[in-house]
Amino acid sequence: MTDPFENPASSPEGGSGLADSASTATDNLGVSGHGHRKLTPEEAAAMEEKIRKVEIAISLVLRIGVTLSVVVIAVGLGIMFAHHSEYTSFTGSFSYKQLTSSTSQFPHSFSALGHSVASGQGRGIVVIGVMILIATPILRVAVGVLSFLYEHDVPMALVTLYVLIVLIGSFFLAGA
């Protein structure tokens, strides 16, 4: 009987340590609802390819969402500062507390947001950029649901779907 805390490289069977543990992790990827079984090398390679595709999809969602929000916010700020040159001055009577107060002219409803964007106001475009930034992790969770379905992991897909429903529901409950 071998000691579970023993270094595999120093065991009588030998082994390369890290490579052995990596292949063991790969072998145990195929856990089904009926119990554990080791995957064939072909199944393990297919599972690793699925996992790689899912990781790339999630990475793309996050990168595109953050990049798009930064670009939209930058465009909105540029328009806002072009129309309101007093915002760029660090001296004078203008106060940044006015700009960020709840009584500011930033749109606080979807109809005001639509009007602001339609009239080319930078404030509305900045708010759109912030909304994109907020939506990015929610979209990531939605991609997580699809990825678990793609991997045929229904229990995790259901748990992730529940998280998605709670996230979306929190937005509606916060406004109530």
Protein backbone atom coordinates (compact mmCIF):
# COMPACT_ATOMS: atom_id res chain seq x y z
CA MET A 1 0.00 0.00 0.00
CA THR A 2 1.39 3.37 -0.93
CA ASP A 3 1.24 6.53 1.13
CA PRO A 4 -1.11 9.09 -0.49
CA PHE A 5 1.27 11.88 0.57
CA GLU A 6 4.34 10.21 -0.92
CA ASN A 7 6.07 11.85 -3.88
CA PRO A 8 5.34 9.68 -6.96
CA ALA A 9 8.88 10.21 -8.26
CA SER A 10 10.28 8.61 -5.12
CA SER A 11 7.87 5.68 -5.11
CA PRO A 12 9.04 2.20 -6.12
CA GLU A 13 6.92 2.37 -9.26
CA GLY A 14 8.77 5.52 -10.32
CA GLY A 15 7.02 8.13 -12.39
CA SER A 16 7.56 11.65 -13.40
CA GLY A 17 5.37 13.27 -10.77
CA LEU A 18 3.76 16.21 -12.53
CA ALA A 19 3.14 14.38 -15.82
CA ASP A 20 1.54 11.47 -13.96
CA SER A 21 -0.82 13.77 -12.05
CA ALA A 22 -1.73 15.62 -15.27
CA SER A 23 -2.62 12.39 -17.03
CA THR A 24 -4.63 11.28 -13.99
CA ALA A 25 -6.57 14.56 -14.08
CA THR A 26 -7.21 14.05 -17.79
CA ASP A 27 -8.29 10.46 -17.20
CA ASN A 28 -10.85 11.57 -14.60
CA LEU A 29 -12.53 14.21 -16.78
CA GLY A 30 -15.33 11.88 -17.79
CA VAL A 31 -17.60 11.93 -14.78
CA SER A 32 -21.13 10.98 -15.68
CA GLY A 33 -24.26 10.97 -13.58
CA HIS A 34 -23.98 7.16 -13.26
CA GLY A 35 -20.57 7.08 -11.57
CA HIS A 36 -16.92 7.56 -12.31
CA ARG A 37 -15.11 5.99 -15.21
CA LYS A 38 -11.82 6.61 -16.92
CA LEU A 39 -11.92 8.08 -20.39
CA THR A 40 -10.16 6.59 -23.34
CA PRO A 41 -7.35 8.80 -24.71
CA GLU A 42 -9.59 9.81 -27.61
CA GLU A 43 -12.44 10.80 -25.26
CA ALA A 44 -10.03 12.71 -23.04
CA ALA A 45 -8.64 14.60 -26.03
CA ALA A 46 -12.16 15.43 -27.22
CA MET A 47 -13.13 16.63 -23.73
CA GLU A 48 -9.99 18.77 -23.47
CA GLU A 49 -10.82 20.30 -26.88
CA LYS A 50 -14.37 21.10 -25.70
CA ILE A 51 -13.02 22.72 -22.54
CA ARG A 52 -10.52 24.75 -24.57
CA LYS A 53 -13.29 26.00 -26.89
CA VAL A 54 -15.46 26.99 -23.91
CA GLU A 55 -12.58 28.85 -22.26
CA ILE A 56 -11.89 30.73 -25.50
CA ALA A 57 -15.58 31.65 -25.87
CA ILE A 58 -15.76 32.97 -22.30
CA SER A 59 -12.50 34.87 -22.77
CA LEU A 60 -13.82 36.47 -25.95
CA VAL A 61 -17.07 37.52 -24.29
CA LEU A 62 -15.18 39.22 -21.48
CA ARG A 63 -12.58 40.85 -23.72
CA ILE A 64 -15.09 42.12 -26.27
CA GLY A 65 -17.48 43.39 -23.57
CA VAL A 66 -14.82 45.34 -21.68
CA THR A 67 -13.18 46.69 -24.84
CA LEU A 68 -16.50 47.75 -26.33
CA SER A 69 -17.57 49.47 -23.11
CA VAL A 70 -14.26 51.36 -22.86
CA VAL A 71 -14.55 52.53 -26.47
CA VAL A 72 -18.19 53.62 -26.04
CA ILE A 73 -17.40 55.45 -22.76
CA ALA A 74 -14.39 57.17 -24.36
CA VAL A 75 -16.50 58.31 -27.33
CA GLY A 76 -19.20 59.57 -24.96
CA LEU A 77 -16.67 61.44 -22.84
CA GLY A 78 -15.12 62.96 -25.96
CA ILE A 79 -18.52 64.20 -27.16
CA MET A 80 -19.43 65.40 -23.69
CA PHE A 81 -16.20 67.38 -23.26
CA ALA A 82 -16.50 68.76 -26.80
CA HIS A 83 -20.00 70.12 -26.09
CA HIS A 84 -19.21 71.26 -22.54
CA SER A 85 -15.72 72.74 -22.46
CA GLU A 86 -16.28 73.87 -18.86
CA TYR A 87 -15.97 70.19 -17.81
CA THR A 88 -12.31 70.13 -18.85
CA SER A 89 -11.31 73.05 -16.64
CA PHE A 90 -9.86 72.16 -13.26
CA THR A 91 -10.27 75.74 -12.04
CA GLY A 92 -13.20 78.08 -11.91
CA SER A 93 -16.70 77.85 -10.49
CA PHE A 94 -17.59 74.45 -12.01
CA SER A 95 -17.88 71.62 -9.48
CA TYR A 96 -17.53 67.95 -10.33
CA LYS A 97 -20.03 67.24 -7.57
CA GLN A 98 -22.65 68.85 -9.83
CA LEU A 99 -21.70 66.49 -12.64
CA THR A 100 -22.08 63.35 -10.51
CA SER A 101 -25.05 64.32 -8.34
CA SER A 102 -28.43 62.63 -8.64
CA THR A 103 -29.86 65.89 -9.97
CA SER A 104 -27.41 65.93 -12.89
CA GLN A 105 -28.66 65.69 -16.45
CA PHE A 106 -27.41 62.12 -16.92
CA PRO A 107 -30.30 59.95 -18.10
CA HIS A 108 -31.94 58.05 -15.25
CA SER A 109 -34.54 56.11 -17.30
CA PHE A 110 -34.58 54.21 -20.58
CA SER A 111 -36.73 56.84 -22.26
CA ALA A 112 -34.36 59.62 -21.15
CA LEU A 113 -31.44 57.48 -22.29
CA GLY A 114 -33.00 57.00 -25.72
CA HIS A 115 -33.64 60.72 -26.06
CA SER A 116 -30.10 61.55 -24.92
CA VAL A 117 -28.48 59.16 -27.39
CA ALA A 118 -30.79 60.21 -30.24
CA SER A 119 -29.87 63.85 -29.70
CA GLY A 120 -26.13 63.00 -29.69
CA GLN A 121 -25.46 63.87 -26.05
CA GLY A 122 -22.26 62.40 -24.65
CA ARG A 123 -23.88 61.71 -21.29
CA GLY A 124 -26.23 59.15 -22.81
CA ILE A 125 -23.40 57.47 -24.70
CA VAL A 126 -21.39 57.20 -21.47
CA VAL A 127 -24.38 55.55 -19.78
CA ILE A 128 -24.65 53.07 -22.69
CA GLY A 129 -20.97 52.22 -22.17
CA VAL A 130 -21.53 51.63 -18.45
CA MET A 131 -24.54 49.44 -19.26
CA ILE A 132 -22.38 47.37 -21.63
CA LEU A 133 -19.80 47.00 -18.85
CA ILE A 134 -22.50 45.85 -16.40
CA ALA A 135 -23.97 43.42 -18.96
CA THR A 136 -20.61 41.78 -19.71
CA PRO A 137 -20.41 39.49 -16.65
CA ILE A 138 -24.11 38.64 -17.04
CA LEU A 139 -23.43 37.59 -20.62
CA ARG A 140 -20.48 35.56 -19.33
CA VAL A 141 -22.85 33.63 -17.04
CA ALA A 142 -25.20 33.05 -20.00
CA VAL A 143 -22.26 31.67 -21.99
CA GLY A 144 -21.52 29.49 -18.96
CA VAL A 145 -25.01 27.95 -19.20
CA LEU A 146 -24.48 27.21 -22.88
CA SER A 147 -21.01 25.83 -22.25
CA PHE A 148 -22.25 23.39 -19.63
CA LEU A 149 -24.96 22.25 -22.03
CA TYR A 150 -22.29 21.87 -24.74
CA GLU A 151 -20.29 19.68 -22.33
CA HIS A 152 -23.47 17.69 -21.48
CA ASP A 153 -23.21 18.72 -17.81
CA VAL A 154 -26.89 19.30 -17.11
CA PRO A 155 -26.64 19.75 -13.31
CA MET A 156 -24.06 22.54 -13.67
CA ALA A 157 -26.08 24.09 -16.49
CA LEU A 158 -29.12 24.21 -14.20
CA VAL A 159 -27.14 25.75 -11.33
CA THR A 160 -25.64 28.35 -13.68
CA LEU A 161 -29.08 29.06 -15.15
CA TYR A 162 -30.34 29.68 -11.62
CA VAL A 163 -27.48 32.14 -11.04
CA LEU A 164 -28.36 33.88 -14.32
CA ILE A 165 -32.02 34.17 -13.32
CA VAL A 166 -31.04 35.62 -9.93
CA LEU A 167 -28.70 38.14 -11.61
CA ILE A 168 -31.33 39.30 -14.07
CA GLY A 169 -34.05 39.30 -11.41
CA SER A 170 -31.92 41.48 -9.13
CA PHE A 171 -32.00 44.25 -11.74
CA PHE A 172 -35.79 44.23 -11.85
CA LEU A 173 -36.12 43.99 -8.07
CA ALA A 174 -33.62 46.82 -7.52
CA GLY A 175 -35.85 49.18 -9.49
CA ALA A 176 -39.01 48.17 -7.63
